[in-house]
Amino acid sequence: MPGAESALADFAIDRIIATDSVPAFRLPPGPVLAKLEIISAAPLFAETIRRLHHNETLADLLLYQG
């Protein structure tokens, strides 16, 4: 998206959190890439499958636990 890199580089944004489900191959070296924190999606997928198997709620899974 045009302009996204400059918007994400803004000093008001401390960090950007993304999962490893899609590689961040489009980000050039610079301030945006320096803010990027990649977290594994595997634990979330595993917990989702476990909860679905046990008929448990998924509502709180999307709250950031960092």
PDB file of N, CA and C in Angstrom:
ATOM      1  N   MET A   1       0.847  -1.167   0.000  1.00  0.00           N
ATOM      2  CA  MET A   1       0.000   0.000   0.000  1.00  0.00           C
ATOM      3  C   MET A   1       0.900   1.241   0.000  1.00  0.00           C
ATOM      4  N   PRO A   2       0.719   2.133  -0.932  1.00  0.00           N
ATOM      5  CA  PRO A   2       1.544   3.340  -0.990  1.00  0.00           C
ATOM      6  C   PRO A   2       1.408   4.176   0.292  1.00  0.00           C
ATOM      7  N   GLY A   3       2.543   4.602   0.810  1.00  0.00           N
ATOM      8  CA  GLY A   3       2.549   5.434   2.011  1.00  0.00           C
ATOM      9  C   GLY A   3       2.561   4.657   3.312  1.00  0.00           C
ATOM     10  N   ALA A   4       2.360   3.353   3.254  1.00  0.00           N
ATOM     11  CA  ALA A   4       2.312   2.542   4.477  1.00  0.00           C
ATOM     12  C   ALA A   4       3.653   2.561   5.190  1.00  0.00           C
ATOM     13  N   GLU A   5       4.742   2.479   4.432  1.00  0.00           N
ATOM     14  CA  GLU A   5       6.059   2.448   5.067  1.00  0.00           C
ATOM     15  C   GLU A   5       6.321   3.717   5.871  1.00  0.00           C
ATOM     16  N   SER A   6       5.989   4.875   5.328  1.00  0.00           N
ATOM     17  CA  SER A   6       6.217   6.116   6.075  1.00  0.00           C
ATOM     18  C   SER A   6       5.285   6.226   7.274  1.00  0.00           C
ATOM     19  N   ALA A   7       4.063   5.727   7.139  1.00  0.00           N
ATOM     20  CA  ALA A   7       3.131   5.750   8.275  1.00  0.00           C
ATOM     21  C   ALA A   7       3.625   4.839   9.399  1.00  0.00           C
ATOM     22  N   LEU A   8       4.124   3.657   9.042  1.00  0.00           N
ATOM     23  CA  LEU A   8       4.617   2.724  10.050  1.00  0.00           C
ATOM     24  C   LEU A   8       5.936   3.169  10.665  1.00  0.00           C
ATOM     25  N   ALA A   9       6.697   3.976   9.954  1.00  0.00           N
ATOM     26  CA  ALA A   9       7.974   4.476  10.471  1.00  0.00           C
ATOM     27  C   ALA A   9       7.782   5.612  11.469  1.00  0.00           C
ATOM     28  N   ASP A  10       6.571   6.117  11.617  1.00  0.00           N
ATOM     29  CA  ASP A  10       6.285   7.229  12.530  1.00  0.00           C
ATOM     30  C   ASP A  10       6.780   6.913  13.935  1.00  0.00           C
ATOM     31  N   PHE A  11       7.367   7.904  14.604  1.00  0.00           N
ATOM     32  CA  PHE A  11       7.931   7.702  15.933  1.00  0.00           C
ATOM     33  C   PHE A  11       6.878   7.326  16.979  1.00  0.00           C
ATOM     34  N   ALA A  12       5.609   7.590  16.704  1.00  0.00           N
ATOM     35  CA  ALA A  12       4.546   7.248  17.643  1.00  0.00           C
ATOM     36  C   ALA A  12       4.313   5.733  17.725  1.00  0.00           C
ATOM     37  N   ILE A  13       4.805   5.003  16.749  1.00  0.00           N
ATOM     38  CA  ILE A  13       4.670   3.544  16.737  1.00  0.00           C
ATOM     39  C   ILE A  13       5.972   2.948  17.250  1.00  0.00           C
ATOM     40  N   ASP A  14       5.901   2.308  18.426  1.00  0.00           N
ATOM     41  CA  ASP A  14       7.093   1.725  19.049  1.00  0.00           C
ATOM     42  C   ASP A  14       7.511   0.412  18.414  1.00  0.00           C
ATOM     43  N   ARG A  15       6.518  -0.439  18.135  1.00  0.00           N
ATOM     44  CA  ARG A  15       6.840  -1.729  17.536  1.00  0.00           C
ATOM     45  C   ARG A  15       5.658  -2.244  16.745  1.00  0.00           C
ATOM     46  N   ILE A  16       5.955  -3.146  15.854  1.00  0.00           N
ATOM     47  CA  ILE A  16       4.958  -3.773  14.999  1.00  0.00           C
ATOM     48  C   ILE A  16       5.080  -5.276  15.236  1.00  0.00           C
ATOM     49  N   ILE A  17       3.983  -5.901  15.601  1.00  0.00           N
ATOM     50  CA  ILE A  17       3.997  -7.325  15.887  1.00  0.00           C
ATOM     51  C   ILE A  17       3.259  -8.053  14.767  1.00  0.00           C
ATOM     52  N   ALA A  18       3.905  -9.074  14.233  1.00  0.00           N
ATOM     53  CA  ALA A  18       3.319  -9.888  13.168  1.00  0.00           C
ATOM     54  C   ALA A  18       3.648 -11.346  13.444  1.00  0.00           C
ATOM     55  N   THR A  19       2.884 -12.235  12.837  1.00  0.00           N
ATOM     56  CA  THR A  19       3.172 -13.652  13.008  1.00  0.00           C
ATOM     57  C   THR A  19       4.078 -14.150  11.890  1.00  0.00           C
ATOM     58  N   ASP A  20       4.587 -15.327  12.098  1.00  0.00           N
ATOM     59  CA  ASP A  20       5.460 -15.957  11.103  1.00  0.00           C
ATOM     60  C   ASP A  20       4.668 -16.723  10.047  1.00  0.00           C
ATOM     61  N   SER A  21       3.360 -16.523  10.000  1.00  0.00           N
ATOM     62  CA  SER A  21       2.537 -17.246   9.031  1.00  0.00           C
ATOM     63  C   SER A  21       2.762 -16.743   7.603  1.00  0.00           C
ATOM     64  N   VAL A  22       3.222 -15.523   7.444  1.00  0.00           N
ATOM     65  CA  VAL A  22       3.582 -14.963   6.142  1.00  0.00           C
ATOM     66  C   VAL A  22       4.907 -14.228   6.319  1.00  0.00           C
ATOM     67  N   PRO A  23       5.915 -14.547   5.528  1.00  0.00           N
ATOM     68  CA  PRO A  23       7.213 -13.883   5.701  1.00  0.00           C
ATOM     69  C   PRO A  23       7.150 -12.390   5.370  1.00  0.00           C
ATOM     70  N   ALA A  24       7.940 -11.627   6.088  1.00  0.00           N
ATOM     71  CA  ALA A  24       7.992 -10.168   5.888  1.00  0.00           C
ATOM     72  C   ALA A  24       9.008  -9.828   4.802  1.00  0.00           C
ATOM     73  N   PHE A  25       8.898 -10.459   3.662  1.00  0.00           N
ATOM     74  CA  PHE A  25       9.882 -10.305   2.591  1.00  0.00           C
ATOM     75  C   PHE A  25       9.812  -8.962   1.870  1.00  0.00           C
ATOM     76  N   ARG A  26       8.722  -8.243   2.006  1.00  0.00           N
ATOM     77  CA  ARG A  26       8.571  -6.985   1.276  1.00  0.00           C
ATOM     78  C   ARG A  26       9.141  -5.779   2.026  1.00  0.00           C
ATOM     79  N   LEU A  27       9.558  -5.965   3.246  1.00  0.00           N
ATOM     80  CA  LEU A  27      10.057  -4.840   4.025  1.00  0.00           C
ATOM     81  C   LEU A  27      11.540  -4.609   3.764  1.00  0.00           C
ATOM     82  N   PRO A  28      11.885  -3.424   3.295  1.00  0.00           N
ATOM     83  CA  PRO A  28      13.297  -3.125   3.085  1.00  0.00           C
ATOM     84  C   PRO A  28      13.957  -2.812   4.425  1.00  0.00           C
ATOM     85  N   PRO A  29      15.281  -2.933   4.501  1.00  0.00           N
ATOM     86  CA  PRO A  29      15.970  -2.533   5.730  1.00  0.00           C
ATOM     87  C   PRO A  29      15.665  -1.076   6.047  1.00  0.00           C
ATOM     88  N   GLY A  30      15.480  -0.778   7.316  1.00  0.00           N
ATOM     89  CA  GLY A  30      15.183   0.582   7.716  1.00  0.00           C
ATOM     90  C   GLY A  30      14.378   0.619   8.995  1.00  0.00           C
ATOM     91  N   PRO A  31      13.773   1.769   9.294  1.00  0.00           N
ATOM     92  CA  PRO A  31      13.090   1.946  10.576  1.00  0.00           C
ATOM     93  C   PRO A  31      11.890   1.029  10.779  1.00  0.00           C
ATOM     94  N   VAL A  32      11.167   0.703   9.734  1.00  0.00           N
ATOM     95  CA  VAL A  32      10.002  -0.176   9.883  1.00  0.00           C
ATOM     96  C   VAL A  32      10.465  -1.587  10.223  1.00  0.00           C
ATOM     97  N   LEU A  33      11.435  -2.085   9.511  1.00  0.00           N
ATOM     98  CA  LEU A  33      11.953  -3.428   9.772  1.00  0.00           C
ATOM     99  C   LEU A  33      12.555  -3.513  11.171  1.00  0.00           C
ATOM    100  N   ALA A  34      13.165  -2.445  11.638  1.00  0.00           N
ATOM    101  CA  ALA A  34      13.759  -2.425  12.975  1.00  0.00           C
ATOM    102  C   ALA A  34      12.687  -2.534  14.065  1.00  0.00           C
ATOM    103  N   LYS A  35      11.482  -2.077  13.800  1.00  0.00           N
ATOM    104  CA  LYS A  35      10.381  -2.136  14.772  1.00  0.00           C
ATOM    105  C   LYS A  35       9.656  -3.473  14.746  1.00  0.00           C
ATOM    106  N   LEU A  36       9.895  -4.266  13.737  1.00  0.00           N
ATOM    107  CA  LEU A  36       9.139  -5.491  13.525  1.00  0.00           C
ATOM    108  C   LEU A  36       9.547  -6.586  14.500  1.00  0.00           C
ATOM    109  N   GLU A  37       8.549  -7.158  15.162  1.00  0.00           N
ATOM    110  CA  GLU A  37       8.754  -8.307  16.048  1.00  0.00           C
ATOM    111  C   GLU A  37       7.912  -9.451  15.494  1.00  0.00           C
ATOM    112  N   ILE A  38       8.563 -10.535  15.125  1.00  0.00           N
ATOM    113  CA  ILE A  38       7.873 -11.697  14.570  1.00  0.00           C
ATOM    114  C   ILE A  38       7.627 -12.694  15.695  1.00  0.00           C
ATOM    115  N   ILE A  39       6.381 -13.103  15.850  1.00  0.00           N
ATOM    116  CA  ILE A  39       6.052 -14.123  16.844  1.00  0.00           C
ATOM    117  C   ILE A  39       5.505 -15.349  16.129  1.00  0.00           C
ATOM    118  N   SER A  40       5.667 -16.490  16.740  1.00  0.00           N
ATOM    119  CA  SER A  40       5.211 -17.742  16.142  1.00  0.00           C
ATOM    120  C   SER A  40       3.700 -17.865  16.246  1.00  0.00           C
ATOM    121  N   ALA A  41       3.067 -18.282  15.177  1.00  0.00           N
ATOM    122  CA  ALA A  41       1.626 -18.513  15.166  1.00  0.00           C
ATOM    123  C   ALA A  41       1.281 -19.919  15.644  1.00  0.00           C
ATOM    124  N   ALA A  42       2.274 -20.812  15.712  1.00  0.00           N
ATOM    125  CA  ALA A  42       2.028 -22.211  16.060  1.00  0.00           C
ATOM    126  C   ALA A  42       1.325 -22.403  17.405  1.00  0.00           C
ATOM    127  N   PRO A  43       1.743 -21.725  18.484  1.00  0.00           N
ATOM    128  CA  PRO A  43       1.043 -21.924  19.756  1.00  0.00           C
ATOM    129  C   PRO A  43      -0.430 -21.501  19.695  1.00  0.00           C
ATOM    130  N   LEU A  44      -0.724 -20.441  18.962  1.00  0.00           N
ATOM    131  CA  LEU A  44      -2.106 -19.999  18.822  1.00  0.00           C
ATOM    132  C   LEU A  44      -2.929 -21.029  18.048  1.00  0.00           C
ATOM    133  N   PHE A  45      -2.366 -21.547  16.968  1.00  0.00           N
ATOM    134  CA  PHE A  45      -3.071 -22.578  16.205  1.00  0.00           C
ATOM    135  C   PHE A  45      -3.293 -23.832  17.047  1.00  0.00           C
ATOM    136  N   ALA A  46      -2.277 -24.232  17.800  1.00  0.00           N
ATOM    137  CA  ALA A  46      -2.391 -25.429  18.633  1.00  0.00           C
ATOM    138  C   ALA A  46      -3.462 -25.251  19.708  1.00  0.00           C
ATOM    139  N   GLU A  47      -3.462 -24.105  20.360  1.00  0.00           N
ATOM    140  CA  GLU A  47      -4.465 -23.848  21.400  1.00  0.00           C
ATOM    141  C   GLU A  47      -5.864 -23.758  20.808  1.00  0.00           C
ATOM    142  N   THR A  48      -5.988 -23.196  19.634  1.00  0.00           N
ATOM    143  CA  THR A  48      -7.287 -23.122  18.958  1.00  0.00           C
ATOM    144  C   THR A  48      -7.821 -24.519  18.676  1.00  0.00           C
ATOM    145  N   ILE A  49      -6.973 -25.378  18.151  1.00  0.00           N
ATOM    146  CA  ILE A  49      -7.387 -26.757  17.863  1.00  0.00           C
ATOM    147  C   ILE A  49      -7.767 -27.481  19.150  1.00  0.00           C
ATOM    148  N   ARG A  50      -6.969 -27.301  20.214  1.00  0.00           N
ATOM    149  CA  ARG A  50      -7.272 -27.950  21.485  1.00  0.00           C
ATOM    150  C   ARG A  50      -8.632 -27.506  22.015  1.00  0.00           C
ATOM    151  N   ARG A  51      -8.889 -26.188  21.986  1.00  0.00           N
ATOM    152  CA  ARG A  51     -10.161 -25.665  22.493  1.00  0.00           C
ATOM    153  C   ARG A  51     -11.340 -26.137  21.648  1.00  0.00           C
ATOM    154  N   LEU A  52     -11.173 -26.146  20.353  1.00  0.00           N
ATOM    155  CA  LEU A  52     -12.252 -26.639  19.494  1.00  0.00           C
ATOM    156  C   LEU A  52     -12.552 -28.104  19.786  1.00  0.00           C
ATOM    157  N   HIS A  53     -11.519 -28.878  20.003  1.00  0.00           N
ATOM    158  CA  HIS A  53     -11.684 -30.300  20.304  1.00  0.00           C
ATOM    159  C   HIS A  53     -12.450 -30.524  21.614  1.00  0.00           C
ATOM    160  N   HIS A  54     -12.244 -29.603  22.582  1.00  0.00           N
ATOM    161  CA  HIS A  54     -12.886 -29.712  23.898  1.00  0.00           C
ATOM    162  C   HIS A  54     -14.115 -28.819  24.030  1.00  0.00           C
ATOM    163  N   ASN A  55     -14.608 -28.283  22.913  1.00  0.00           N
ATOM    164  CA  ASN A  55     -15.789 -27.394  22.915  1.00  0.00           C
ATOM    165  C   ASN A  55     -15.630 -26.214  23.871  1.00  0.00           C
ATOM    166  N   GLU A  56     -14.450 -25.620  23.911  1.00  0.00           N
ATOM    167  CA  GLU A  56     -14.172 -24.463  24.757  1.00  0.00           C
ATOM    168  C   GLU A  56     -14.226 -23.185  23.930  1.00  0.00           C
ATOM    169  N   THR A  57     -14.352 -22.061  24.612  1.00  0.00           N
ATOM    170  CA  THR A  57     -14.463 -20.769  23.936  1.00  0.00           C
ATOM    171  C   THR A  57     -13.129 -20.359  23.295  1.00  0.00           C
ATOM    172  N   LEU A  58     -13.242 -19.621  22.204  1.00  0.00           N
ATOM    173  CA  LEU A  58     -12.078 -19.056  21.523  1.00  0.00           C
ATOM    174  C   LEU A  58     -11.992 -17.542  21.724  1.00  0.00           C
ATOM    175  N   ALA A  59     -12.949 -16.982  22.445  1.00  0.00           N
ATOM    176  CA  ALA A  59     -13.097 -15.531  22.542  1.00  0.00           C
ATOM    177  C   ALA A  59     -11.846 -14.815  23.038  1.00  0.00           C
ATOM    178  N   ASP A  60     -11.140 -15.370  24.000  1.00  0.00           N
ATOM    179  CA  ASP A  60      -9.994 -14.662  24.573  1.00  0.00           C
ATOM    180  C   ASP A  60      -8.664 -14.963  23.880  1.00  0.00           C
ATOM    181  N   LEU A  61      -8.666 -15.764  22.848  1.00  0.00           N
ATOM    182  CA  LEU A  61      -7.414 -16.120  22.181  1.00  0.00           C
ATOM    183  C   LEU A  61      -6.771 -14.959  21.432  1.00  0.00           C
ATOM    184  N   LEU A  62      -7.532 -13.990  21.023  1.00  0.00           N
ATOM    185  CA  LEU A  62      -6.971 -12.901  20.230  1.00  0.00           C
ATOM    186  C   LEU A  62      -6.444 -11.739  21.062  1.00  0.00           C
ATOM    187  N   LEU A  63      -6.506 -11.850  22.372  1.00  0.00           N
ATOM    188  CA  LEU A  63      -5.937 -10.818  23.233  1.00  0.00           C
ATOM    189  C   LEU A  63      -4.425 -11.020  23.277  1.00  0.00           C
ATOM    190  N   TYR A  64      -3.677  -9.961  23.049  1.00  0.00           N
ATOM    191  CA  TYR A  64      -2.210 -10.075  23.011  1.00  0.00           C
ATOM    192  C   TYR A  64      -1.681 -10.447  24.396  1.00  0.00           C
ATOM    193  N   GLN A  65      -0.869 -11.475  24.456  1.00  0.00           N
ATOM    194  CA  GLN A  65      -0.344 -11.979  25.715  1.00  0.00           C
ATOM    195  C   GLN A  65       1.117 -11.598  25.941  1.00  0.00           C
ATOM    196  N   GLY A  66       1.649 -10.682  25.119  1.00  0.00           N
ATOM    197  CA  GLY A  66       3.071 -10.330  25.151  1.00  0.00           C
ATOM    198  C   GLY A  66       3.529  -9.810  26.428  1.00  0.00           C
TER     199      GLY A  66
END
